[in-house]
Amino acid sequence: MSFRSMRLPPDQILTVAQMRVAEAALIAGGTSVDTLMQRAGRGAAEWVWRIGGGRAVTVLTGPGNNGGDGWVIAETIRQRGGEVRVVAADNPATPAAQNARAAYKGPVLDAAAAVTGEVLVDCLFGSGLTRPLSGDHLALLTRLAASHHKRVAVDLPSGIDADLGMPLNRDLPPFDLTLALGAWKFAHFLMPACAAMGQLRLVDIGVEPLAGAAEVVTRPRLPMPAPDAHKYTRGLLGVIGGAMPGAAQLAATAAQGAGAGYVRLLSETGEAPADLVVDRHPLPEALADSRFAALLIGPGLGRDATARERLDTAAAAQVPLVLDADALVLLGARHLSARTAPLIATPHEGEMIALERAFDCLGSGSKADRARDLARASGMVVVAKGPDTVIAAPDGRLALAARASSWLSTAGTGDVLAGTIASRLACGAEAFEAACQGVWLHGEAAHRCGAAFPAGQLALAIRSAYAACL
């Protein structure tokens, strides 16, 4: 079976502490820990059975409830007639895990046994681990991973900090499939941990929505234009050019495909592409048009005196504004002091650090923590982009996107993202929603492009991604 698709269901992302609250609510409502373990183990066993295809399965169990899930997985597979054995790294230490161990009727191997097989299921430790694996545990996990063709992690690969998305040990083995139990954890979406998790699937155990939880960026449902729509009611977007006009043109092309009714390139210099409307007026004069629904500044802006003047002019306009690239490096708190219109910033890691310094919130913790801190300090919606993208709003809302295509690692793709987000903002979407919509469209366009695409192809593919959401 193929696990190539990265389509993820709309659901919440919980910290370890939030997951404990959610599980406690289930228990308080009458669901026993044993029942939750059965739900998790049997649900995970469905995926293990499918990826195994009847081949030999080895389940590695640890002392806690993640190990208990492993005993349930093993017994479920055994009852179906599958070939399964358990390698017990430790004896079960919780009552529910002990009960699951007692119910298992198949073979159990010592940790020292030489084991080979087709599918390894890692139930050594799940989420909640905050210390590195011991030398013995790491050696056992590494040895078993090397002797099996497919590797499945239950909840998280052992040795991962669930909240930070950081490995707690060096040289942890990679996995082909990771099965989140009950809810997504931050590590499922944050680098570097998520890079070694393979495909992601969610096992439902009945967890209810939790107030304040982060969310997954999912396919938006976008409206068709109204019967009486025209180019201005659908949104006029101004893309402000600069020293490198090609970047702004990329952003404008992407914006044309993402729903805005009218995209105008505000550039006093450079060639005028046949498929873009270019306004050659000085920027203050161009921005006197009251019909602008949103502006974008940054792609190809430059960092000279002219660029600073253009940023000052754009920031002073009380129009929803997307800031990208050079605009983020030049941005200071003074630019935002008098603004009331929404702002979206789209920094990569280097630009993120520059913004944290500008707003005196040089952060620590995970990328999600840092993005949320910056959003609160600046009042901007922050799209902390990269192979893991985090979207944070000043009011505390947080969304994480599925792993991006590694083919996005080419010049110009960030300009395409900025144009896509700005287009959604011009269409009237609230700033946080516009950012989420733009990030999804950008990722979907990359998947549609396949391999080895340039930024220009990505910009054109935004149109088909947008059409898929209507």
Protein backbone atom coordinates (compact mmCIF):
# COMPACT_ATOMS: atom_id res chain seq x y z
CA MET A 1 0.00 0.00 0.00
CA SER A 2 1.20 3.53 -0.77
CA PHE A 3 1.43 6.15 1.98
CA ARG A 4 2.55 8.99 -0.27
CA SER A 5 -0.45 11.26 0.23
CA MET A 6 0.02 14.01 2.82
CA ARG A 7 -3.67 14.98 3.05
CA LEU A 8 -4.39 15.39 6.74
CA PRO A 9 -7.85 15.56 8.32
CA PRO A 10 -8.91 18.84 9.94
CA ASP A 11 -8.08 18.42 13.59
CA GLN A 12 -6.40 19.92 16.59
CA ILE A 13 -2.75 19.88 17.59
CA LEU A 14 -2.15 19.41 21.31
CA THR A 15 0.76 19.84 23.65
CA VAL A 16 1.54 16.97 26.01
CA ALA A 17 -0.20 18.86 28.83
CA GLN A 18 -3.28 19.51 26.68
CA MET A 19 -3.41 15.85 25.67
CA ARG A 20 -3.42 14.85 29.32
CA VAL A 21 -6.31 17.25 29.95
CA ALA A 22 -8.22 15.79 26.99
CA GLU A 23 -7.66 12.21 28.18
CA ALA A 24 -8.63 13.17 31.73
CA ALA A 25 -11.91 14.56 30.38
CA LEU A 26 -12.64 11.24 28.68
CA ILE A 27 -11.87 9.33 31.87
CA ALA A 28 -14.02 11.70 33.94
CA GLY A 29 -16.83 11.02 31.48
CA GLY A 30 -16.69 7.30 32.18
CA THR A 31 -14.13 5.96 29.68
CA SER A 32 -11.52 3.82 31.42
CA VAL A 33 -7.79 3.95 30.69
CA ASP A 34 -8.04 0.33 29.53
CA THR A 35 -10.75 1.27 27.02
CA LEU A 36 -8.66 4.17 25.69
CA MET A 37 -5.72 1.80 25.30
CA GLN A 38 -7.86 -0.67 23.39
CA ARG A 39 -9.10 2.08 21.06
CA ALA A 40 -5.58 3.33 20.43
CA GLY A 41 -4.04 -0.11 19.99
CA ARG A 42 -6.75 -1.51 17.74
CA GLY A 43 -6.83 1.65 15.64
CA ALA A 44 -3.07 1.56 15.21
CA ALA A 45 -3.20 -2.16 14.42
CA GLU A 46 -5.42 -1.39 11.41
CA TRP A 47 -2.61 0.64 9.86
CA VAL A 48 0.08 -1.86 10.85
CA TRP A 49 -1.98 -4.65 9.27
CA ARG A 50 -2.35 -2.66 6.06
CA ILE A 51 1.30 -1.73 5.72
CA GLY A 52 2.36 -5.24 6.74
CA GLY A 53 0.19 -7.04 4.24
CA GLY A 54 0.43 -10.31 6.19
CA ARG A 55 4.17 -10.09 6.70
CA ALA A 56 5.97 -10.68 9.99
CA VAL A 57 5.51 -7.89 12.55
CA THR A 58 7.75 -7.13 15.52
CA VAL A 59 6.37 -4.87 18.25
CA LEU A 60 8.87 -3.18 20.56
CA THR A 61 7.26 -2.30 23.91
CA GLY A 62 8.36 -0.11 26.79
CA PRO A 63 7.16 0.24 30.37
CA GLY A 64 4.40 2.84 29.99
CA ASN A 65 1.04 3.14 28.31
CA ASN A 66 2.67 3.49 24.89
CA GLY A 67 4.07 0.03 25.54
CA GLY A 68 0.56 -1.03 26.54
CA ASP A 69 -0.69 0.14 23.16
CA GLY A 70 1.94 -2.15 21.64
CA TRP A 71 0.63 -5.19 23.49
CA VAL A 72 -2.88 -4.41 22.17
CA ILE A 73 -1.52 -4.01 18.62
CA ALA A 74 0.26 -7.35 18.85
CA GLU A 75 -2.79 -9.21 20.17
CA THR A 76 -5.05 -7.64 17.53
CA ILE A 77 -2.72 -8.79 14.76
CA ARG A 78 -2.38 -12.26 16.32
CA GLN A 79 -6.16 -12.67 16.46
CA ARG A 80 -6.33 -11.85 12.75
CA GLY A 81 -3.91 -14.64 12.00
CA GLY A 82 -0.86 -12.46 11.45
CA GLU A 83 2.68 -13.43 12.36
CA VAL A 84 3.66 -11.23 15.30
CA ARG A 85 6.08 -11.22 18.21
CA VAL A 86 6.80 -8.72 20.96
CA VAL A 87 10.24 -7.59 22.06
CA ALA A 88 9.76 -6.32 25.60
CA ALA A 89 12.42 -3.77 26.50
CA ASP A 90 10.90 -3.44 29.99
CA ASN A 91 8.11 -4.98 31.99
CA PRO A 92 4.81 -3.05 31.95
CA ALA A 93 4.72 -0.52 34.81
CA THR A 94 1.15 0.87 34.59
CA PRO A 95 -2.03 -1.06 35.44
CA ALA A 96 -3.50 -0.66 31.94
CA ALA A 97 -0.26 -1.81 30.29
CA GLN A 98 -0.10 -4.79 32.65
CA ASN A 99 -3.66 -5.74 31.71
CA ALA A 100 -2.82 -5.47 28.01
CA ARG A 101 0.24 -7.65 28.57
CA ALA A 102 -1.85 -10.28 30.30
CA ALA A 103 -4.30 -10.38 27.37
CA TYR A 104 -1.57 -11.03 24.78
CA LYS A 105 -1.24 -14.72 23.86
CA GLY A 106 1.60 -14.62 21.36
CA PRO A 107 5.38 -15.04 21.59
CA VAL A 108 7.50 -12.64 23.65
CA LEU A 109 11.21 -12.27 22.97
CA ASP A 110 13.96 -11.02 25.22
CA ALA A 111 15.57 -7.71 24.32
CA ALA A 112 18.82 -9.53 23.61
CA ALA A 113 17.26 -11.85 21.01
CA ALA A 114 18.36 -11.56 17.38
CA VAL A 115 15.21 -10.49 15.54
CA THR A 116 14.60 -9.81 11.86
CA GLY A 117 11.31 -9.18 10.11
CA GLU A 118 9.33 -7.07 7.71
CA VAL A 119 7.60 -4.49 9.94
CA LEU A 120 8.86 -2.95 13.19
CA VAL A 121 6.33 -1.18 15.42
CA ASP A 122 7.96 1.23 17.89
CA CYS A 123 5.98 1.40 21.13
CA LEU A 124 8.97 1.96 23.37
CA PHE A 125 8.05 5.52 24.40
CA GLY A 126 5.44 7.89 22.96
CA SER A 127 4.74 11.53 23.69
CA GLY A 128 5.72 13.02 27.03
CA LEU A 129 9.36 11.95 26.94
CA THR A 130 11.67 14.78 28.04
CA ARG A 131 14.96 12.94 28.51
CA PRO A 132 17.16 11.07 26.04
CA LEU A 133 16.76 7.33 25.58
CA SER A 134 19.19 5.30 27.64
CA GLY A 135 22.10 3.74 25.84
CA ASP A 136 20.50 0.30 26.01
CA HIS A 137 17.14 1.51 24.71
CA LEU A 138 18.73 3.47 21.86
CA ALA A 139 20.90 0.51 20.87
CA LEU A 140 17.89 -1.84 20.90
CA LEU A 141 15.72 0.50 18.84
CA THR A 142 18.53 1.12 16.35
CA ARG A 143 19.28 -2.59 15.96
CA LEU A 144 15.64 -3.54 15.40
CA ALA A 145 15.10 -0.67 12.96
CA ALA A 146 18.06 -1.86 10.90
CA SER A 147 16.76 -5.44 10.75
CA HIS A 148 13.25 -4.61 9.48
CA HIS A 149 12.18 -3.33 6.07
CA LYS A 150 9.35 -1.07 7.25
CA ARG A 151 9.19 0.95 10.47
CA VAL A 152 6.03 2.29 12.13
CA ALA A 153 6.07 4.64 15.13
CA VAL A 154 3.06 4.70 17.45
CA ASP A 155 2.18 8.23 18.59
CA LEU A 156 5.77 9.45 18.06
CA PRO A 157 9.11 7.83 17.29
CA SER A 158 10.82 7.11 20.59
CA GLY A 159 13.31 9.78 21.59
CA ILE A 160 11.35 12.82 20.32
CA ASP A 161 10.21 15.80 22.39
CA ALA A 162 6.52 16.06 21.46
CA ASP A 163 6.17 19.78 22.12
CA LEU A 164 9.44 21.08 20.68
CA GLY A 165 9.80 18.76 17.70
CA MET A 166 13.39 18.05 18.67
CA PRO A 167 15.22 14.69 18.85
CA LEU A 168 16.43 13.94 22.36
CA ASN A 169 19.13 11.61 21.01
CA ARG A 170 21.45 11.80 18.08
CA ASP A 171 21.11 9.34 15.20
CA LEU A 172 17.55 8.18 15.87
CA PRO A 173 16.29 5.87 13.10
CA PRO A 174 13.81 7.21 10.53
CA PHE A 175 10.28 5.81 10.14
CA ASP A 176 8.02 5.13 7.19
CA LEU A 177 4.77 5.84 9.02
CA THR A 178 3.85 7.59 12.28
CA LEU A 179 0.45 7.03 13.88
CA ALA A 180 -0.71 9.93 16.06
CA LEU A 181 -2.96 8.75 18.89
CA GLY A 182 -6.02 10.84 19.70
CA ALA A 183 -4.67 14.16 18.41
CA TRP A 184 -1.75 15.56 16.49
CA LYS A 185 1.27 16.65 18.49
CA PHE A 186 3.49 19.60 17.59
CA ALA A 187 6.39 17.29 16.72
CA HIS A 188 4.33 15.83 13.87
CA PHE A 189 4.68 19.19 12.08
CA LEU A 190 7.89 20.76 13.39
CA MET A 191 11.37 20.27 12.04
CA PRO A 192 13.70 18.55 12.52
CA ALA A 193 11.69 15.74 14.12
CA CYS A 194 8.93 15.55 11.51
CA ALA A 195 11.43 14.89 8.73
CA ALA A 196 12.08 11.41 10.13
CA MET A 197 8.44 10.40 10.69
CA GLY A 198 7.48 9.34 7.18
CA GLN A 199 3.79 9.61 6.43
CA LEU A 200 1.35 10.69 9.15
CA ARG A 201 -1.99 9.16 10.10
CA LEU A 202 -4.34 9.97 12.97
CA VAL A 203 -5.94 7.28 15.14
CA ASP A 204 -9.21 8.51 16.67
CA ILE A 205 -9.78 7.57 20.32
CA GLY A 206 -12.69 9.96 20.98
CA VAL A 207 -10.81 13.08 22.10
CA GLU A 208 -13.08 16.14 22.06
CA PRO A 209 -12.05 19.59 20.75
CA LEU A 210 -10.05 21.53 23.33
CA ALA A 211 -10.35 25.31 23.67
CA GLY A 212 -7.19 27.12 22.68
CA ALA A 213 -5.72 24.21 20.72
CA ALA A 214 -3.63 24.80 17.64
CA GLU A 215 -5.04 23.57 14.34
CA VAL A 216 -3.88 21.93 11.14
CA VAL A 217 -3.85 24.02 7.95
CA THR A 218 -6.39 22.28 5.71
CA ARG A 219 -8.00 22.78 2.31
CA PRO A 220 -10.11 25.95 2.48
CA ARG A 221 -13.61 26.21 1.10
CA LEU A 222 -13.53 29.32 -1.05
CA PRO A 223 -16.63 31.06 -2.48
CA MET A 224 -17.41 31.52 -6.14
CA PRO A 225 -17.61 35.14 -7.30
CA ALA A 226 -21.06 36.66 -6.80
CA PRO A 227 -23.28 36.89 -9.88
CA ASP A 228 -22.83 40.68 -9.94
CA ALA A 229 -19.10 40.63 -9.13
CA HIS A 230 -16.59 42.85 -10.90
CA LYS A 231 -12.84 43.29 -10.59
CA TYR A 232 -13.01 45.76 -7.71
CA THR A 233 -15.58 43.90 -5.61
CA ARG A 234 -13.39 40.80 -5.93
CA GLY A 235 -10.45 42.78 -4.55
CA LEU A 236 -7.82 45.17 -5.89
CA LEU A 237 -4.33 44.15 -4.78
CA GLY A 238 -1.31 46.40 -5.15
CA VAL A 239 2.07 44.63 -5.40
CA ILE A 240 4.82 47.15 -4.74
CA GLY A 241 7.94 46.58 -6.81
CA GLY A 242 11.52 47.53 -6.12
CA ALA A 243 15.13 47.01 -7.12
CA MET A 244 14.57 43.45 -8.42
CA PRO A 245 11.32 43.59 -10.40
CA GLY A 246 11.19 39.86 -11.19
CA ALA A 247 10.34 38.98 -7.58
CA ALA A 248 7.35 41.32 -7.48
CA GLN A 249 6.21 39.99 -10.85
CA LEU A 250 6.29 36.43 -9.49
CA ALA A 251 4.19 37.51 -6.52
CA ALA A 252 1.73 39.33 -8.78
CA THR A 253 1.36 36.32 -11.08
CA ALA A 254 0.59 34.07 -8.10
CA ALA A 255 -1.88 36.65 -6.79
CA GLN A 256 -3.76 36.62 -10.10
CA GLY A 257 -4.39 32.90 -9.67
CA ALA A 258 -5.46 33.04 -6.01
CA GLY A 259 -8.72 34.92 -6.42
CA ALA A 260 -8.07 38.67 -6.45
CA GLY A 261 -10.14 40.41 -9.12
CA TYR A 262 -7.48 42.95 -10.04
CA VAL A 263 -3.73 42.79 -9.40
CA ARG A 264 -1.79 45.97 -10.07
CA LEU A 265 2.03 46.02 -10.05
CA LEU A 266 3.19 49.34 -8.58
CA SER A 267 6.61 49.80 -10.16
CA GLU A 268 8.21 52.95 -11.52
CA THR A 269 11.01 51.04 -13.27
CA GLY A 270 11.53 47.76 -15.12
CA GLU A 271 9.79 46.12 -18.02
CA ALA A 272 6.03 45.77 -18.13
CA PRO A 273 5.02 42.11 -18.59
CA ALA A 274 2.15 41.69 -21.05
CA ASP A 275 -0.01 39.80 -18.55
CA LEU A 276 0.34 42.29 -15.66
CA VAL A 277 -1.10 45.77 -15.19
CA VAL A 278 1.76 48.09 -14.21
CA ASP A 279 1.22 51.45 -12.51
CA ARG A 280 4.20 53.78 -13.18
CA HIS A 281 3.04 56.61 -10.92
CA PRO A 282 5.15 57.51 -7.86
CA LEU A 283 4.04 55.31 -5.00
CA PRO A 284 2.29 57.99 -2.89
CA GLU A 285 0.25 58.98 -5.93
CA ALA A 286 -0.53 55.36 -6.85
CA LEU A 287 -1.73 54.59 -3.34
CA ALA A 288 -4.16 57.52 -3.42
CA ASP A 289 -6.60 55.14 -5.12
CA SER A 290 -9.07 54.33 -2.34
CA ARG A 291 -10.16 51.11 -4.00
CA PHE A 292 -7.12 49.09 -2.88
CA ALA A 293 -8.26 46.14 -0.76
CA ALA A 294 -4.72 45.04 0.17
CA LEU A 295 -1.05 45.72 -0.52
CA LEU A 296 2.08 43.58 -0.70
CA ILE A 297 5.59 44.94 -0.22
CA GLY A 298 8.92 43.17 0.07
CA PRO A 299 9.60 40.84 -2.86
CA GLY A 300 12.54 42.37 -4.72
CA LEU A 301 12.23 45.60 -2.71
CA GLY A 302 15.92 46.13 -1.96
CA ARG A 303 17.37 47.77 1.14
CA ASP A 304 18.52 51.18 -0.08
CA ALA A 305 17.05 54.60 0.66
CA THR A 306 14.41 54.22 -2.05
CA ALA A 307 13.28 50.92 -0.56
CA ARG A 308 13.00 52.51 2.87
CA GLU A 309 10.88 55.32 1.47
CA ARG A 310 8.56 52.85 -0.26
CA LEU A 311 8.16 50.86 2.96
CA ASP A 312 7.39 54.05 4.91
CA THR A 313 4.71 54.95 2.35
CA ALA A 314 3.14 51.49 2.35
CA ALA A 315 3.11 51.21 6.14
CA ALA A 316 1.43 54.61 6.44
CA ALA A 317 -1.45 53.55 4.18
CA GLN A 318 -4.39 52.26 6.21
CA VAL A 319 -4.87 49.26 3.95
CA PRO A 320 -4.39 45.55 4.87
CA LEU A 321 -0.71 44.85 4.20
CA VAL A 322 1.50 41.80 3.64
CA LEU A 323 5.19 42.25 4.43
CA ASP A 324 7.79 39.90 2.96
CA ALA A 325 11.51 39.60 2.24
CA ASP A 326 13.44 42.92 2.39
CA ALA A 327 10.49 44.72 3.97
CA LEU A 328 10.85 42.47 7.01
CA VAL A 329 14.53 43.31 7.40
CA LEU A 330 13.81 47.05 7.19
CA LEU A 331 10.69 46.93 9.38
CA GLY A 332 10.72 48.57 12.78
CA ALA A 333 8.17 49.15 15.51
CA ARG A 334 7.79 52.77 14.31
CA HIS A 335 6.19 51.54 11.09
CA LEU A 336 3.35 49.92 13.03
CA SER A 337 2.73 52.46 15.78
CA ALA A 338 -0.10 54.28 14.00
CA ARG A 339 -1.54 51.40 11.97
CA THR A 340 -5.02 50.02 12.49
CA ALA A 341 -5.37 47.92 9.32
CA PRO A 342 -4.35 44.23 9.43
CA LEU A 343 -0.74 43.16 8.88
CA ILE A 344 0.71 39.82 7.82
CA ALA A 345 4.46 39.08 7.94
CA THR A 346 5.97 36.10 6.10
CA PRO A 347 9.51 35.61 7.47
CA HIS A 348 11.95 32.79 6.88
CA GLU A 349 14.26 31.96 9.79
CA GLY A 350 16.75 34.77 9.19
CA GLU A 351 13.99 37.35 8.80
CA MET A 352 12.28 35.92 11.87
CA ILE A 353 15.34 36.67 13.96
CA ALA A 354 15.50 40.22 12.57
CA LEU A 355 11.84 40.78 13.52
CA GLU A 356 12.34 39.33 16.99
CA ARG A 357 15.14 41.83 17.55
CA ALA A 358 13.08 44.70 16.14
CA PHE A 359 10.20 43.94 18.50
CA ASP A 360 12.37 42.98 21.48
CA CYS A 361 11.08 39.42 21.76
CA LEU A 362 14.09 37.30 20.81
CA GLY A 363 12.41 34.01 21.57
CA SER A 364 13.17 30.56 22.83
CA GLY A 365 11.23 27.33 22.73
CA SER A 366 9.77 25.80 19.60
CA LYS A 367 9.17 27.56 16.30
CA ALA A 368 5.48 27.68 17.25
CA ASP A 369 6.30 29.37 20.57
CA ARG A 370 8.47 31.94 18.84
CA ALA A 371 5.89 32.72 16.15
CA ARG A 372 3.16 33.21 18.74
CA ASP A 373 5.41 35.46 20.86
CA LEU A 374 6.30 37.59 17.84
CA ALA A 375 2.66 37.88 16.76
CA ARG A 376 1.67 39.11 20.21
CA ALA A 377 4.58 41.56 20.46
CA SER A 378 4.09 43.06 16.99
CA GLY A 379 0.34 42.80 16.44
CA MET A 380 0.96 41.08 13.10
CA VAL A 381 -0.17 37.70 11.86
CA VAL A 382 3.14 35.86 11.50
CA VAL A 383 3.69 33.20 8.85
CA ALA A 384 6.96 31.60 9.95
CA LYS A 385 7.66 29.81 6.69
CA GLY A 386 9.98 26.94 5.82
CA PRO A 387 9.79 23.17 5.47
CA ASP A 388 7.65 23.48 8.59
CA THR A 389 5.34 26.50 8.43
CA VAL A 390 3.67 28.01 11.49
CA ILE A 391 0.96 30.67 11.38
CA ALA A 392 0.35 32.72 14.53
CA ALA A 393 -2.17 35.50 15.25
CA PRO A 394 -1.83 38.22 17.89
CA ASP A 395 -4.88 36.80 19.72
CA GLY A 396 -3.10 33.46 20.26
CA ARG A 397 -4.54 31.44 17.39
CA LEU A 398 -2.01 29.03 15.94
CA ALA A 399 -1.98 26.78 12.86
CA LEU A 400 0.66 24.42 11.50
CA ALA A 401 0.97 23.16 7.94
CA ALA A 402 1.87 19.70 6.73
CA ARG A 403 5.47 19.20 5.64
CA ALA A 404 6.17 21.19 2.50
CA SER A 405 7.54 19.73 -0.71
CA SER A 406 11.33 19.81 -0.57
CA TRP A 407 11.26 21.09 -4.17
CA LEU A 408 10.17 24.45 -2.76
CA SER A 409 13.81 25.02 -1.82
CA THR A 410 14.45 27.28 -4.80
CA ALA A 411 14.59 31.04 -5.28
CA GLY A 412 11.27 32.81 -5.76
CA THR A 413 8.92 30.38 -4.06
CA GLY A 414 8.63 32.70 -1.05
CA ASP A 415 7.55 35.51 -3.38
CA VAL A 416 4.84 33.20 -4.72
CA LEU A 417 3.65 32.51 -1.16
CA ALA A 418 3.51 36.22 -0.32
CA GLY A 419 1.49 36.97 -3.46
CA THR A 420 -0.91 34.13 -2.74
CA ILE A 421 -1.55 35.27 0.83
CA ALA A 422 -1.94 38.90 -0.27
CA SER A 423 -4.50 37.85 -2.88
CA ARG A 424 -6.61 36.09 -0.26
CA LEU A 425 -6.36 39.18 1.95
CA ALA A 426 -7.52 41.37 -0.95
CA CYS A 427 -10.48 39.01 -1.44
CA GLY A 428 -11.68 39.97 2.03
CA ALA A 429 -10.47 37.06 4.16
CA GLU A 430 -9.60 37.88 7.76
CA ALA A 431 -5.81 38.09 8.14
CA PHE A 432 -5.22 34.79 9.97
CA GLU A 433 -7.58 32.97 7.61
CA ALA A 434 -5.97 34.60 4.57
CA ALA A 435 -2.59 33.38 5.78
CA CYS A 436 -3.87 29.82 6.30
CA GLN A 437 -5.56 29.80 2.90
CA GLY A 438 -2.45 31.08 1.18
CA VAL A 439 -0.18 28.55 2.84
CA TRP A 440 -2.47 25.68 1.82
CA LEU A 441 -2.74 26.89 -1.79
CA HIS A 442 1.05 27.28 -1.97
CA GLY A 443 1.65 23.75 -0.67
CA GLU A 444 -0.99 22.26 -2.96
CA ALA A 445 0.46 24.04 -5.98
CA ALA A 446 3.87 22.56 -5.15
CA HIS A 447 2.40 19.05 -5.03
CA ARG A 448 0.74 19.65 -8.39
CA CYS A 449 4.05 20.78 -9.91
CA GLY A 450 5.78 17.51 -8.97
CA ALA A 451 9.57 17.58 -9.11
CA ALA A 452 12.20 20.13 -10.08
CA PHE A 453 9.91 23.08 -10.78
CA PRO A 454 10.97 26.75 -11.00
CA ALA A 455 9.14 29.49 -9.12
CA GLY A 456 7.41 30.67 -12.28
CA GLN A 457 5.76 27.28 -12.75
CA LEU A 458 4.69 27.31 -9.10
CA ALA A 459 3.11 30.76 -9.54
CA LEU A 460 1.05 29.50 -12.46
CA ALA A 461 0.00 26.38 -10.54
CA ILE A 462 -1.64 28.50 -7.84
CA ARG A 463 -4.58 28.90 -10.21
CA SER A 464 -5.37 25.17 -10.35
CA ALA A 465 -4.95 24.82 -6.57
CA TYR A 466 -7.39 27.70 -6.10
CA ALA A 467 -9.90 26.15 -8.51
CA ALA A 468 -9.82 22.94 -6.46
CA CYS A 469 -11.18 24.88 -3.47
CA LEU A 470 -14.27 26.32 -5.16
